[in-house]
C-alpha cells in the first residue's frame, strides 16, 4: 500500500500600505532576508529562504523551542544566532503571488492562524521601511448575493475588521471604501439590525453601505455574518466558512519550485499571475 503524504494549504491575501521606493517583490524579499526574530514565552520565530521563483515570492517561517520559559525578550537586543535552542519544532512554507494572494500551510503545530499573527510581527520587525501589513483569508466565490436576495427578510448583518482593498477593488467595494476613507479608519466593525416593523428587513440595494460592506468582506477584506429568513427558516451565512483551502502532495523541503507548481496547479483559478 502506497501512502502519499499531503499537506493542507489555505489561501489568504496580503494587504499592505507602503509609500517607499521598493516595488512589491523587492520589499518582501528584503524583509524576508532580515535577521530580526520574534519570540513568545516558549518559541522563537524567524524568516528563512526567501527567493523569487518566476515572479512568485517563496519563503519560510521557522518555529523553534527555547530552552525555558521567559518573558518576551526585548526585540532590539535579540538576534537569532545568540539564542540557545532545544529543537526545531515546526516550519511553515508560503508563497506570495503578484496579485497579493498568499498560500500558507495549515499544520497542527503551526496553524494558519498562528502563521498570520507571526508573519505580521516578523514583517513589521524586518521591513526596511515603514509599512502597514495585514493578512486576510481568501473566500470561495459562490454568489453570496444570490443567497441574500433569496431571503424573504434580512434580519441582521455583522461586519468585523473591514479594511480597504488592495490592489484591485471591485465596483461594489466603492460605497464602503469611500466611507472608510472619509472617516479615516483602516479597521471598521459594525452590526446592523432590521427594524422590527420592516417587511423586507435590511436594505439589499447594491448601492447601500450594508451590501458594499458584505461585498468587501466577501472579497477577503474582513468578515461578515448575515442572518435572514426564508419561508420561516433562519439562514446564517458566515464568510469565515468560505476560506479557500485544499491539500497538495508534500514536496521535499528544499524543493521550492515543486511547492509553488503544486499550488498553482491546485489553486490557479483563484490567482491572477499579474499584479
Protein backbone atom coordinates (compact mmCIF):
# COMPACT_ATOMS: atom_id res chain seq x y z
CA UNK A 1 0.00 0.00 0.00
CA UNK A 2 1.42 3.37 -1.03
CA UNK A 3 0.96 6.23 1.43
CA UNK A 4 1.05 9.66 -0.17
CA UNK A 5 1.75 12.36 2.38
CA UNK A 6 -0.15 15.58 1.86
CA UNK A 7 -0.40 18.98 3.49
CA UNK A 8 -3.27 21.42 3.81
CA UNK A 9 -2.91 24.78 2.08
CA UNK A 10 -5.06 27.84 2.75
CA UNK A 11 -5.21 30.97 0.62
CA UNK A 12 -5.01 34.47 2.02
CA UNK A 13 -4.49 37.98 0.75
CA UNK A 14 -1.75 40.42 1.72
CA UNK A 15 -2.99 43.95 2.46
CA UNK A 16 -0.16 46.46 2.54
CA UNK A 17 0.14 50.19 2.87
CA UNK A 18 3.57 51.30 1.67
CA UNK A 19 4.84 54.55 0.17
CA UNK A 20 8.54 53.68 -0.29
CA UNK A 21 10.64 53.26 -3.43
CA UNK A 22 10.91 49.44 -3.47
CA UNK A 23 8.44 47.50 -5.57
CA UNK A 24 6.31 44.72 -4.04
CA UNK A 25 8.75 41.85 -4.67
CA UNK A 26 11.83 43.84 -3.67
CA UNK A 27 10.24 44.96 -0.41
CA UNK A 28 9.18 41.45 0.60
CA UNK A 29 12.44 39.72 -0.37
CA UNK A 30 14.44 42.34 1.53
CA UNK A 31 12.15 41.89 4.53
CA UNK A 32 12.44 38.10 4.42
CA UNK A 33 16.24 38.34 4.41
CA UNK A 34 16.24 40.27 7.71
CA UNK A 35 17.63 38.56 10.82
CA UNK A 36 15.32 40.04 13.44
CA UNK A 37 13.26 37.44 15.24
CA UNK A 38 10.02 37.28 17.19
CA UNK A 39 9.69 35.34 20.45
CA UNK A 40 6.81 34.18 22.58
CA UNK A 41 7.48 32.75 26.04
CA UNK A 42 8.36 29.32 24.63
CA UNK A 43 9.22 29.74 20.94
CA UNK A 44 11.40 31.72 18.60
CA UNK A 45 10.35 32.50 15.02
CA UNK A 46 12.29 33.81 12.04
CA UNK A 47 12.05 34.14 8.25
CA UNK A 48 14.22 31.92 6.06
CA UNK A 49 14.97 31.05 2.43
CA UNK A 50 13.21 33.95 0.73
CA UNK A 51 13.55 33.80 -3.06
CA UNK A 52 11.82 34.85 -6.26
CA UNK A 53 10.65 31.98 -8.49
CA UNK A 54 9.16 33.11 -11.80
CA UNK A 55 7.74 36.34 -10.28
CA UNK A 56 6.37 34.41 -7.28
CA UNK A 57 7.86 35.07 -3.83
CA UNK A 58 8.73 31.96 -1.83
CA UNK A 59 9.61 31.94 1.88
CA UNK A 60 9.51 30.02 5.14
CA UNK A 61 8.98 30.74 8.83
CA UNK A 62 10.78 28.53 11.36
CA UNK A 63 9.38 27.86 14.82
CA UNK A 64 11.97 26.67 17.35
CA UNK A 65 11.71 25.78 21.04
CA UNK A 66 13.59 27.88 23.58
CA UNK A 67 15.31 26.09 26.46
CA UNK A 68 12.93 27.52 29.03
CA UNK A 69 10.03 29.88 29.55
CA UNK A 70 10.85 33.56 29.70
CA UNK A 71 9.23 36.93 29.49
CA UNK A 72 9.14 38.05 25.89
CA UNK A 73 12.60 39.33 25.04
CA UNK A 74 13.40 42.92 24.11
CA UNK A 75 13.25 42.81 20.29
CA UNK A 76 16.17 45.13 19.55
CA UNK A 77 18.55 43.10 21.72
CA UNK A 78 17.64 39.67 20.38
CA UNK A 79 19.48 38.03 17.50
CA UNK A 80 18.73 34.51 16.32
CA UNK A 81 22.38 33.40 16.41
CA UNK A 82 22.76 34.26 20.11
CA UNK A 83 19.80 32.18 21.34
CA UNK A 84 20.18 28.61 22.57
CA UNK A 85 17.52 26.31 21.16
CA UNK A 86 16.37 22.83 22.09
CA UNK A 87 14.97 21.77 18.73
CA UNK A 88 13.24 22.86 15.56
CA UNK A 89 9.57 22.50 16.40
CA UNK A 90 7.95 23.18 13.04
CA UNK A 91 8.20 25.32 9.93
CA UNK A 92 5.61 26.80 7.59
CA UNK A 93 6.23 27.33 3.87
CA UNK A 94 4.42 30.02 1.91
CA UNK A 95 4.40 31.76 -1.44
CA UNK A 96 3.06 35.15 -2.50
CA UNK A 97 1.74 35.94 -5.97
CA UNK A 98 1.77 39.30 -7.83
CA UNK A 99 -1.95 39.82 -7.07
CA UNK A 100 -1.01 39.68 -3.33
CA UNK A 101 -2.52 36.21 -2.83
CA UNK A 102 -0.55 34.20 -0.25
CA UNK A 103 -0.65 30.40 0.04
CA UNK A 104 0.26 29.07 3.50
CA UNK A 105 0.37 25.68 5.20
CA UNK A 106 -2.04 24.56 7.90
CA UNK A 107 -0.25 22.38 10.47
CA UNK A 108 -1.24 21.12 13.90
CA UNK A 109 1.89 22.64 15.48
CA UNK A 110 1.90 25.79 13.33
CA UNK A 111 -1.63 26.67 12.21
CA UNK A 112 -2.52 29.22 9.56
CA UNK A 113 -3.95 31.49 12.29
CA UNK A 114 -0.61 31.32 14.15
CA UNK A 115 1.21 31.88 10.88
CA UNK A 116 -0.83 35.02 10.14
CA UNK A 117 0.00 36.52 13.55
CA UNK A 118 3.70 35.64 13.40
CA UNK A 119 4.02 36.73 9.76
CA UNK A 120 2.73 40.22 10.57
CA UNK A 121 5.03 40.58 13.59
CA UNK A 122 8.11 39.38 11.72
CA UNK A 123 7.31 41.57 8.73
CA UNK A 124 6.99 44.66 10.93
CA UNK A 125 10.28 43.86 12.68
CA UNK A 126 12.24 43.24 9.48
CA UNK A 127 10.68 45.67 7.00
CA UNK A 128 13.38 48.11 5.81
CA UNK A 129 10.84 50.96 5.57
CA UNK A 130 7.61 51.75 7.34
CA UNK A 131 4.71 49.69 6.00
CA UNK A 132 1.32 48.65 7.36
CA UNK A 133 0.68 44.96 6.75
CA UNK A 134 -2.42 42.80 7.07
CA UNK A 135 -3.29 39.24 6.09
CA UNK A 136 -6.85 38.01 5.48
CA UNK A 137 -8.14 34.64 4.26
CA UNK A 138 -9.39 34.32 0.68
CA UNK A 139 -13.01 33.13 0.35
CA UNK A 140 -14.73 30.79 -2.08
CA UNK A 141 -16.56 32.75 -4.73
CA UNK A 142 -20.06 31.29 -4.62
CA UNK A 143 -22.57 34.08 -5.14
CA UNK A 144 -23.33 35.33 -1.65
CA UNK A 145 -25.70 37.94 -3.09
CA UNK A 146 -27.82 35.29 -4.80
CA UNK A 147 -28.41 33.70 -1.40
CA UNK A 148 -29.12 37.06 0.25
CA UNK A 149 -31.56 38.12 -2.45
CA UNK A 150 -33.41 34.85 -1.91
CA UNK A 151 -34.24 35.85 1.67
CA UNK A 152 -37.78 36.90 2.49
CA UNK A 153 -36.21 39.22 5.05
CA UNK A 154 -32.64 40.10 6.01
CA UNK A 155 -32.63 40.35 9.81
CA UNK A 156 -29.08 41.31 10.71
CA UNK A 157 -25.60 41.89 9.32
CA UNK A 158 -22.46 41.98 11.44
CA UNK A 159 -19.21 43.08 9.81
CA UNK A 160 -15.83 42.79 11.52
CA UNK A 161 -12.45 44.35 10.83
CA UNK A 162 -13.19 45.74 7.37
CA UNK A 163 -10.10 47.09 5.63
CA UNK A 164 -9.57 48.92 2.36
CA UNK A 165 -8.89 46.56 -0.55
CA UNK A 166 -5.51 46.18 -2.17
CA UNK A 167 -4.57 46.11 -5.00
CA UNK A 168 -7.68 45.89 -7.23
CA UNK A 169 -11.04 46.96 -5.75
CA UNK A 170 -14.37 45.77 -7.16
CA UNK A 171 -17.02 48.40 -8.03
CA UNK A 172 -19.19 47.03 -5.20
CA UNK A 173 -16.47 47.99 -2.68
CA UNK A 174 -16.70 51.68 -3.55
CA UNK A 175 -19.51 52.75 -1.20
CA UNK A 176 -17.97 51.37 2.00
CA UNK A 177 -14.40 52.21 1.00
CA UNK A 178 -15.37 55.85 0.49
CA UNK A 179 -16.89 55.73 3.98
CA UNK A 180 -13.66 54.27 5.44
CA UNK A 181 -11.64 56.96 3.68
CA UNK A 182 -13.89 59.78 4.88
CA UNK A 183 -13.81 58.52 8.48
CA UNK A 184 -10.02 57.95 8.24
CA UNK A 185 -10.11 54.41 9.59
CA UNK A 186 -8.34 51.22 8.49
CA UNK A 187 -10.39 48.89 10.69
CA UNK A 188 -14.17 49.08 10.88
CA UNK A 189 -16.68 46.82 12.66
CA UNK A 190 -20.44 47.31 12.96
CA UNK A 191 -23.72 45.48 13.47
CA UNK A 192 -26.93 46.33 11.58
CA UNK A 193 -30.30 45.14 12.91
CA UNK A 194 -33.54 45.24 10.96
CA UNK A 195 -36.38 47.46 12.08
CA UNK A 196 -38.97 45.09 13.53
CA UNK A 197 -41.71 46.80 11.53
CA UNK A 198 -39.92 46.29 8.22
CA UNK A 199 -41.34 43.69 5.85
CA UNK A 200 -38.14 43.12 3.84
CA UNK A 201 -35.64 43.82 6.59
CA UNK A 202 -32.28 45.45 5.95
CA UNK A 203 -31.56 47.06 2.59
CA UNK A 204 -30.37 44.72 -0.15
CA UNK A 205 -29.84 47.51 -2.64
CA UNK A 206 -26.31 47.12 -4.11
CA UNK A 207 -25.84 50.86 -3.62
CA UNK A 208 -26.23 50.52 0.16
CA UNK A 209 -23.39 50.68 2.65
CA UNK A 210 -24.50 47.32 4.08
CA UNK A 211 -24.26 45.42 0.79
CA UNK A 212 -21.00 47.15 -0.05
CA UNK A 213 -19.60 46.07 3.35
CA UNK A 214 -20.71 42.49 2.69
CA UNK A 215 -19.02 42.59 -0.71
CA UNK A 216 -15.76 43.84 0.82
CA UNK A 217 -15.77 41.12 3.49
CA UNK A 218 -16.67 38.50 0.90
CA UNK A 219 -13.61 39.61 -1.04
CA UNK A 220 -11.38 38.75 1.93
CA UNK A 221 -11.03 42.22 3.47
CA UNK A 222 -12.80 41.45 6.73
CA UNK A 223 -15.54 39.12 7.93
CA UNK A 224 -19.31 39.22 7.99
CA UNK A 225 -22.21 37.26 9.45
CA UNK A 226 -25.56 37.60 7.70
CA UNK A 227 -28.86 36.33 9.12
CA UNK A 228 -32.03 36.09 7.05
CA UNK A 229 -35.44 34.45 6.94
CA UNK A 230 -36.76 32.31 4.10
CA UNK A 231 -40.11 30.54 4.44
CA UNK A 232 -39.84 30.91 8.22
CA UNK A 233 -36.41 29.20 8.26
CA UNK A 234 -33.50 31.10 9.78
CA UNK A 235 -30.45 31.14 7.49
CA UNK A 236 -26.99 32.18 8.68
CA UNK A 237 -24.06 32.95 6.36
CA UNK A 238 -20.55 33.33 7.77
CA UNK A 239 -17.88 34.46 5.31
CA UNK A 240 -15.31 32.78 7.60
CA UNK A 241 -16.79 29.43 6.49
CA UNK A 242 -15.76 30.14 2.90
CA UNK A 243 -11.98 30.00 3.35
CA UNK A 244 -10.34 28.57 0.23
CA UNK A 245 -8.32 25.51 1.18
CA UNK A 246 -7.23 22.16 -0.25
CA UNK A 247 -4.44 19.60 0.01
CA UNK A 248 -1.31 19.19 -2.08
CA UNK A 249 1.22 16.39 -2.09
CA UNK A 250 4.19 17.11 0.16
CA UNK A 251 7.36 18.00 -1.70
CA UNK A 252 10.91 17.91 -0.39
CA UNK A 253 11.73 20.77 1.94
CA UNK A 254 14.30 22.28 -0.41
CA UNK A 255 12.07 21.99 -3.48
CA UNK A 256 10.50 25.45 -3.59
CA UNK A 257 9.67 25.18 -7.30
CA UNK A 258 7.74 21.95 -6.75
CA UNK A 259 5.81 23.50 -3.88
CA UNK A 260 4.84 26.53 -6.00
CA UNK A 261 3.99 24.37 -9.01
CA UNK A 262 1.59 22.24 -6.94
CA UNK A 263 -0.12 25.33 -5.54
CA UNK A 264 -0.54 26.89 -9.00
CA UNK A 265 -1.98 23.62 -10.30
CA UNK A 266 -4.42 23.29 -7.40
CA UNK A 267 -5.42 26.94 -6.86
CA UNK A 268 -4.69 28.55 -10.23
CA UNK A 269 -8.31 29.56 -10.87
CA UNK A 270 -8.23 31.80 -7.77
CA UNK A 271 -4.92 33.52 -8.60
CA UNK A 272 -4.10 36.32 -11.01
CA UNK A 273 -0.47 35.88 -12.00
CA UNK A 274 -0.15 39.56 -12.92
CA UNK A 275 -0.26 42.47 -10.46
